[in-house]
Amino acid sequence: MRSEDIARLAGVSRSTVSRVINQYPNVPEETRRKVMKVIEEHHYEPNTNARVLAGKGTDTIGLFVISTAEKTRGNRIYQNNYFAPFVDALVDTANALGYYVLIHTVYSEEDFQKIRQAFSQKRIDGGVIVGTQKNLEEIRSIVQLGEPLVLIDYDPAELARHHMDNNTVAVINTKDFAGGSEAVAHLIALGHREIAFISGRLNTHSGRERLRAYESALEEHGIPLRKELVLDGDFRRGPACRAVTEFLAAGERPTAFFAANDEMALGALDAFRDFGLRVPEDVSLIGFDDSPIASRLTPALTSVRLPIAEMSQTAAETVVAMCRKRSASFSAVSFPTRLVVRESCAKRAEVPADSSASTDDGSDVPG
């Protein structure tokens, strides 16, 4: 069925049908309902190629998940405790707004070409980029296309330094420094002074902010920073397990660990079991993200909650708004985090007599 057939059945002009399909505001509501009824009854689908040639959009956005570190894994990102709920929520929101979502995974430097091609071939109207690796040169080449783009977990100041704060770009982050500070302060309030940190990738905004929070919280409470207590977990379970295993095998026994995401907290738990360490009796543990698995573990994991649903919803709404207006200004929003206290932390058995550090939430808060 063609648009002229819809027009004939609805008793309107072909141009009116076009205005309804393209959501023009200057169509009487009664006329809109009449045209939409015919479209729904006859399952009419507009020709996407024709829309593109006419300068209209495709009503499709691209979601590009960058995870080059996952390229050797069979399940890749689909079982990741952060990516999976983010993708689900973004797709649901975009669909509710009348947009399809084209999902691409970027597992190598060459895969960045997928993003450029999706734009240049007019298969999408805008894009959302989320991931745990950052390649600023590749991102710059995409930003320079001048298409609507939302970046998740990018430093706005860094984008500005590299002249990527275009008016077609929006950035969505979380307040990682505040969340990390709250987590370390909680451990200190429980009497812990030897706190190991499992770091994520420092080429990410979140990775740097969570490390900075750890270092700052120790300094604020007068606890010397020991570089040997900072482990590289690469934001992944396997590398985190290996790093903690090597660390414990060397004879180190901190009383608490703070992992920069829940995936690495799971890796730490794997290592603890191999060494017969109990959580929280022998060692306390905090994660970051508060992924769905955190509350299902035994003991349940204390973790810094990220508002993933709100972030993904905002990402979808923002890129759709940019696509529809075709004009915008550079923007950045940062969502608050919250420490969710569960069972994986406990008071240190013996607190030194000269310890006076405390936090507003009180040292009697259960872990």
Protein backbone atom coordinates (compact mmCIF):
# COMPACT_ATOMS: atom_id res chain seq x y z
CA MET A 1 0.00 0.00 0.00
CA ARG A 2 1.20 3.49 -0.90
CA SER A 3 0.67 6.81 0.82
CA GLU A 4 -1.76 7.89 -1.92
CA ASP A 5 -3.90 4.84 -1.09
CA ILE A 6 -3.96 5.93 2.56
CA ALA A 7 -4.97 9.42 1.45
CA ARG A 8 -7.84 8.09 -0.71
CA LEU A 9 -9.21 5.85 2.07
CA ALA A 10 -8.96 8.61 4.65
CA GLY A 11 -10.43 11.21 2.33
CA VAL A 12 -7.48 13.59 2.65
CA SER A 13 -4.65 14.78 0.45
CA ARG A 14 -1.36 12.91 0.11
CA SER A 15 0.45 15.86 1.67
CA THR A 16 -1.78 15.57 4.74
CA VAL A 17 -0.83 11.91 5.09
CA SER A 18 2.82 12.95 4.87
CA ARG A 19 2.35 15.59 7.57
CA VAL A 20 0.71 13.03 9.88
CA ILE A 21 3.46 10.45 9.32
CA ASN A 22 6.17 13.02 9.97
CA GLN A 23 4.38 14.32 13.09
CA TYR A 24 3.86 17.87 11.87
CA PRO A 25 2.04 19.93 14.52
CA ASN A 26 -0.27 21.80 12.10
CA VAL A 27 -2.65 18.89 11.50
CA PRO A 28 -6.15 18.99 13.08
CA GLU A 29 -6.51 16.27 15.69
CA GLU A 30 -9.60 14.80 14.03
CA THR A 31 -7.75 14.53 10.70
CA ARG A 32 -4.75 12.96 12.44
CA ARG A 33 -6.95 10.32 14.09
CA LYS A 34 -8.68 9.52 10.78
CA VAL A 35 -5.38 9.03 8.95
CA MET A 36 -3.84 6.98 11.79
CA LYS A 37 -6.88 4.71 11.89
CA VAL A 38 -6.43 3.83 8.20
CA ILE A 39 -2.67 3.37 8.68
CA GLU A 40 -3.21 0.98 11.60
CA GLU A 41 -6.00 -0.97 9.91
CA HIS A 42 -3.88 -1.58 6.79
CA HIS A 43 -0.54 -2.00 8.64
CA TYR A 44 1.04 0.70 6.50
CA GLU A 45 4.82 1.17 6.87
CA PRO A 46 6.41 4.34 5.39
CA ASN A 47 9.27 3.76 2.96
CA THR A 48 12.42 4.55 4.92
CA ASN A 49 14.53 5.24 1.84
CA ALA A 50 11.95 7.69 0.57
CA ARG A 51 11.93 9.45 3.92
CA VAL A 52 15.72 9.80 3.84
CA LEU A 53 15.69 11.12 0.27
CA ALA A 54 13.03 13.62 1.28
CA GLY A 55 15.23 14.84 4.10
CA LYS A 56 13.20 13.13 6.81
CA GLY A 57 14.62 10.97 9.55
CA THR A 58 14.60 7.21 9.89
CA ASP A 59 13.12 7.23 13.40
CA THR A 60 16.09 5.08 14.39
CA ILE A 61 18.89 5.77 16.84
CA GLY A 62 22.12 3.83 17.18
CA LEU A 63 23.36 2.43 20.47
CA PHE A 64 27.08 1.68 20.32
CA VAL A 65 28.55 -0.33 23.18
CA ILE A 66 32.33 -0.07 23.25
CA SER A 67 34.08 -2.94 25.00
CA THR A 68 37.30 -3.87 23.25
CA ALA A 69 38.44 -5.79 26.34
CA GLU A 70 35.56 -8.24 25.87
CA LYS A 71 36.45 -9.36 22.35
CA THR A 72 37.76 -12.79 23.38
CA ARG A 73 34.75 -13.69 25.54
CA GLY A 74 31.94 -15.78 24.15
CA ASN A 75 29.10 -13.99 25.93
CA ARG A 76 30.78 -10.61 25.52
CA ILE A 77 28.72 -7.71 26.80
CA TYR A 78 25.31 -9.36 26.92
CA GLN A 79 25.79 -10.86 30.38
CA ASN A 80 27.61 -7.82 31.73
CA ASN A 81 25.94 -6.59 34.92
CA TYR A 82 26.21 -2.94 33.80
CA PHE A 83 25.64 -3.03 30.05
CA ALA A 84 22.68 -5.41 29.96
CA PRO A 85 20.27 -3.34 32.09
CA PHE A 86 21.45 -0.14 30.40
CA VAL A 87 20.68 -1.51 26.94
CA ASP A 88 17.28 -2.86 28.04
CA ALA A 89 16.16 0.43 29.58
CA LEU A 90 17.36 2.55 26.67
CA VAL A 91 15.61 0.38 24.08
CA ASP A 92 12.35 0.44 26.06
CA THR A 93 12.44 4.24 26.35
CA ALA A 94 13.31 4.80 22.68
CA ASN A 95 10.56 2.44 21.55
CA ALA A 96 8.04 4.28 23.72
CA LEU A 97 9.10 7.50 21.97
CA GLY A 98 8.48 5.91 18.57
CA TYR A 99 12.11 5.19 17.72
CA TYR A 100 13.82 1.97 16.79
CA VAL A 101 17.28 1.18 18.17
CA LEU A 102 20.11 -0.20 16.07
CA ILE A 103 22.64 -1.84 18.43
CA HIS A 104 26.28 -2.27 17.49
CA THR A 105 29.06 -3.63 19.68
CA VAL A 106 32.56 -2.25 19.22
CA TYR A 107 35.17 -4.87 20.07
CA SER A 108 38.13 -3.46 18.15
CA GLU A 109 39.51 -0.21 16.79
CA GLU A 110 38.28 -1.20 13.33
CA ASP A 111 34.74 -1.52 14.66
CA PHE A 112 34.53 2.24 15.19
CA GLN A 113 33.92 2.37 11.44
CA LYS A 114 30.50 0.85 12.16
CA ILE A 115 29.49 4.05 13.92
CA ARG A 116 30.68 6.33 11.13
CA GLN A 117 28.98 4.16 8.50
CA ALA A 118 25.67 4.12 10.35
CA PHE A 119 25.63 7.92 10.21
CA SER A 120 27.05 8.37 6.70
CA GLN A 121 24.65 5.79 5.24
CA LYS A 122 21.72 7.56 6.92
CA ARG A 123 20.67 4.42 8.78
CA ILE A 124 20.27 6.34 12.04
CA ASP A 125 19.24 9.86 13.04
CA GLY A 126 21.41 10.01 16.18
CA GLY A 127 23.57 7.87 18.42
CA VAL A 128 24.42 6.94 21.99
CA ILE A 129 27.94 5.74 22.84
CA VAL A 130 28.57 3.87 26.08
CA GLY A 131 31.57 1.78 27.06
CA THR A 132 34.55 1.17 29.27
CA GLN A 133 37.24 2.09 26.77
CA LYS A 134 37.93 5.56 25.48
CA ASN A 135 39.58 6.38 22.17
CA LEU A 136 39.36 10.14 21.85
CA GLU A 137 40.66 10.24 18.30
CA GLU A 138 37.98 7.83 17.13
CA ILE A 139 35.31 9.70 19.07
CA ARG A 140 36.53 13.00 17.62
CA SER A 141 36.03 11.69 14.07
CA ILE A 142 32.45 10.77 14.98
CA VAL A 143 31.72 14.08 16.74
CA GLN A 144 32.97 15.94 13.66
CA LEU A 145 30.14 14.39 11.62
CA GLY A 146 27.89 16.92 13.34
CA GLU A 147 25.10 14.41 14.06
CA PRO A 148 23.13 14.16 17.34
CA LEU A 149 25.29 12.21 19.78
CA VAL A 150 25.05 11.32 23.47
CA LEU A 151 28.23 10.18 25.23
CA ILE A 152 28.06 8.20 28.47
CA ASP A 153 30.97 8.42 30.95
CA TYR A 154 33.06 11.09 29.27
CA ASP A 155 34.78 14.02 30.97
CA PRO A 156 33.20 17.27 29.65
CA ALA A 157 36.38 19.22 30.44
CA GLU A 158 38.45 16.74 28.45
CA LEU A 159 36.05 17.01 25.51
CA ALA A 160 36.38 20.79 25.64
CA ARG A 161 40.18 20.59 25.68
CA HIS A 162 40.03 18.48 22.53
CA HIS A 163 37.45 20.78 20.90
CA MET A 164 34.69 18.16 21.00
CA ASP A 165 32.13 20.19 22.94
CA ASN A 166 30.02 20.60 19.81
CA ASN A 167 26.41 21.74 19.94
CA THR A 168 25.37 18.31 18.69
CA VAL A 169 26.89 16.52 21.70
CA ALA A 170 25.42 15.75 25.12
CA VAL A 171 27.26 14.02 27.98
CA ILE A 172 25.69 11.90 30.73
CA ASN A 173 27.73 10.92 33.79
CA THR A 174 27.32 9.90 37.41
CA LYS A 175 28.81 11.52 40.49
CA ASP A 176 31.47 8.83 40.85
CA PHE A 177 33.72 10.86 43.12
CA ALA A 178 30.94 11.38 45.66
CA GLY A 179 29.97 7.71 45.52
CA GLY A 180 33.53 6.49 45.94
CA SER A 181 34.13 8.88 48.82
CA GLU A 182 31.01 7.62 50.59
CA ALA A 183 32.11 4.00 50.18
CA VAL A 184 35.60 4.54 51.62
CA ALA A 185 34.24 6.71 54.44
CA HIS A 186 31.86 3.87 55.36
CA LEU A 187 34.75 1.42 55.67
CA ILE A 188 36.76 3.89 57.74
CA ALA A 189 33.77 4.43 60.03
CA LEU A 190 33.74 0.67 60.63
CA GLY A 191 37.33 0.91 61.86
CA HIS A 192 39.19 -0.19 58.73
CA ARG A 193 42.55 1.47 58.06
CA GLU A 194 44.09 -0.97 55.59
CA ILE A 195 41.77 -0.67 52.62
CA ALA A 196 42.76 -2.07 49.23
CA PHE A 197 41.32 -0.57 46.06
CA ILE A 198 40.62 -2.57 42.90
CA SER A 199 40.85 -0.03 40.10
CA GLY A 200 39.13 0.01 36.73
CA ARG A 201 40.57 1.47 33.54
CA LEU A 202 42.06 4.88 34.09
CA ASN A 203 41.39 5.98 30.51
CA THR A 204 37.75 6.34 31.57
CA HIS A 205 36.20 9.24 33.42
CA SER A 206 34.56 6.93 35.97
CA GLY A 207 37.76 4.96 36.51
CA ARG A 208 39.76 8.09 37.30
CA GLU A 209 37.06 9.58 39.51
CA ARG A 210 36.69 6.44 41.64
CA LEU A 211 40.44 6.19 42.18
CA ARG A 212 40.59 9.88 43.03
CA ALA A 213 37.79 9.38 45.57
CA TYR A 214 39.69 6.52 47.25
CA GLU A 215 42.87 8.57 47.51
CA SER A 216 41.07 11.68 48.71
CA ALA A 217 39.06 9.85 51.38
CA LEU A 218 42.19 8.27 52.83
CA GLU A 219 43.93 11.63 52.93
CA GLU A 220 40.92 13.30 54.52
CA HIS A 221 40.97 10.76 57.36
CA GLY A 222 44.74 10.91 57.84
CA ILE A 223 45.42 7.44 56.45
CA PRO A 224 48.62 7.15 54.38
CA LEU A 225 48.16 6.05 50.79
CA ARG A 226 50.03 2.82 50.05
CA LYS A 227 50.46 2.30 46.32
CA GLU A 228 50.78 -1.44 46.80
CA LEU A 229 47.14 -1.50 47.97
CA VAL A 230 45.94 -0.24 44.57
CA LEU A 231 45.30 -3.19 42.24
CA ASP A 232 44.50 -3.14 38.53
CA GLY A 233 41.28 -5.02 37.83
CA ASP A 234 40.51 -3.63 34.35
CA PHE A 235 36.79 -3.37 35.25
CA ARG A 236 36.51 -7.16 34.68
CA ARG A 237 35.98 -10.16 36.91
CA GLY A 238 38.83 -12.33 35.63
CA PRO A 239 41.63 -9.74 35.81
CA ALA A 240 40.38 -8.62 39.23
CA CYS A 241 40.48 -12.20 40.52
CA ARG A 242 44.03 -12.64 39.25
CA ALA A 243 45.17 -9.33 40.72
CA VAL A 244 43.70 -10.11 44.15
CA THR A 245 45.07 -13.67 44.05
CA GLU A 246 48.61 -12.43 43.37
CA PHE A 247 48.21 -9.77 46.03
CA LEU A 248 47.08 -12.23 48.71
CA ALA A 249 49.70 -14.78 47.68
CA ALA A 250 52.34 -12.14 48.41
CA GLY A 251 51.19 -12.12 52.03
CA GLU A 252 49.12 -8.91 52.01
CA ARG A 253 46.05 -8.97 54.26
CA PRO A 254 44.11 -5.71 54.25
CA THR A 255 40.93 -5.76 56.30
CA ALA A 256 38.77 -4.31 53.53
CA PHE A 257 38.56 -4.03 49.74
CA PHE A 258 36.77 -1.42 47.64
CA ALA A 259 36.19 -2.48 44.03
CA ALA A 260 35.50 0.16 41.38
CA ASN A 261 32.66 -1.95 39.98
CA ASP A 262 30.64 -5.02 40.95
CA GLU A 263 32.25 -7.19 38.27
CA MET A 264 35.60 -6.76 40.00
CA ALA A 265 34.00 -7.31 43.41
CA LEU A 266 32.89 -10.71 42.10
CA GLY A 267 36.48 -11.39 41.05
CA ALA A 268 37.66 -10.49 44.54
CA LEU A 269 35.14 -12.93 46.03
CA ASP A 270 36.50 -15.67 43.78
CA ALA A 271 40.01 -15.01 45.11
CA PHE A 272 38.85 -14.81 48.73
CA ARG A 273 37.31 -18.27 48.48
CA ASP A 274 40.58 -19.73 47.21
CA PHE A 275 42.35 -18.35 50.28
CA GLY A 276 39.63 -19.37 52.72
CA LEU A 277 38.74 -15.77 53.54
CA ARG A 278 35.19 -15.14 54.73
CA VAL A 279 33.15 -12.03 53.95
CA PRO A 280 32.60 -10.07 56.12
CA GLU A 281 34.16 -11.99 59.03
CA ASP A 282 37.72 -11.87 57.66
CA VAL A 283 37.50 -9.10 55.08
CA SER A 284 34.94 -6.45 54.18
CA LEU A 285 34.05 -5.71 50.56
CA ILE A 286 32.28 -2.89 48.72
CA GLY A 287 31.46 -2.76 45.01
CA PHE A 288 30.26 -0.05 42.65
CA ASP A 289 27.22 0.05 40.27
CA ASP A 290 24.79 -1.90 42.50
CA SER A 291 24.07 -4.25 39.62
CA PRO A 292 21.15 -6.70 40.03
CA ILE A 293 23.46 -9.48 41.22
CA ALA A 294 24.69 -7.45 44.22
CA SER A 295 21.57 -8.06 46.29
CA ARG A 296 21.44 -11.75 45.33
CA LEU A 297 24.91 -12.68 46.55
CA THR A 298 25.53 -14.40 49.88
CA PRO A 299 26.42 -12.30 51.73
CA ALA A 300 24.64 -9.53 49.85
CA LEU A 301 27.11 -6.99 48.49
CA THR A 302 27.32 -3.43 49.77
CA SER A 303 27.65 -1.31 46.64
CA VAL A 304 27.41 2.23 45.31
CA ARG A 305 24.19 2.46 43.34
CA LEU A 306 24.17 4.03 39.89
CA PRO A 307 20.75 5.15 38.59
CA ILE A 308 21.17 3.11 35.41
CA ALA A 309 17.49 3.21 34.47
CA GLU A 310 17.35 6.99 34.82
CA MET A 311 20.62 7.42 32.91
CA SER A 312 19.54 5.28 29.98
CA GLN A 313 16.09 6.88 29.89
CA THR A 314 17.66 10.35 29.81
CA ALA A 315 20.09 9.26 27.10
CA ALA A 316 17.24 8.07 24.90
CA GLU A 317 15.09 11.13 25.55
CA THR A 318 18.01 13.48 24.92
CA VAL A 319 19.11 11.98 21.60
CA VAL A 320 15.51 11.77 20.35
CA ALA A 321 14.92 15.42 21.25
CA MET A 322 18.12 16.36 19.41
CA CYS A 323 17.04 14.37 16.36
CA ARG A 324 13.65 16.01 16.23
CA LYS A 325 14.90 19.57 16.71
CA ARG A 326 18.03 19.09 14.59
CA SER A 327 19.60 21.81 16.73
CA ALA A 328 20.87 21.89 20.28
CA SER A 329 23.71 23.12 22.44
CA PHE A 330 26.43 21.18 24.23
CA SER A 331 25.10 19.85 27.52
CA ALA A 332 26.29 17.71 30.40
CA VAL A 333 24.32 16.12 33.22
CA SER A 334 25.63 14.11 36.18
CA PHE A 335 23.40 11.77 38.18
CA PRO A 336 23.81 11.26 41.94
CA THR A 337 24.99 7.96 43.42
CA ARG A 338 24.05 6.31 46.72
CA LEU A 339 25.77 3.75 48.94
CA VAL A 340 23.50 0.75 49.50
CA VAL A 341 24.60 -0.94 52.71
CA ARG A 342 24.10 -4.69 52.88
CA GLU A 343 25.95 -7.61 54.51
CA SER A 344 29.46 -7.63 53.02
CA CYS A 345 31.01 -5.17 55.49
CA ALA A 346 31.57 -5.46 59.23
CA LYS A 347 33.32 -3.56 61.98
CA ARG A 348 36.99 -4.32 62.27
CA ALA A 349 37.50 -6.71 65.17
CA GLU A 350 40.20 -4.62 66.84
CA VAL A 351 40.21 -0.89 66.28
CA PRO A 352 43.46 0.89 67.27
CA ALA A 353 43.09 2.96 70.44
CA ASP A 354 44.27 6.17 68.74
CA SER A 355 41.73 5.87 65.93
CA SER A 356 39.32 8.77 65.93
CA ALA A 357 38.15 8.88 62.32
CA SER A 358 34.41 8.81 61.85
CA THR A 359 31.78 9.80 59.33
CA ASP A 360 28.36 11.38 59.56
CA ASP A 361 26.60 8.04 59.10
CA GLY A 362 28.16 6.74 62.34
CA SER A 363 30.39 3.75 62.98
CA ASP A 364 27.44 1.78 64.33
CA VAL A 365 25.89 1.49 60.87
CA PRO A 366 25.78 -2.23 59.98
CA GLY A 367 27.67 -3.30 56.85
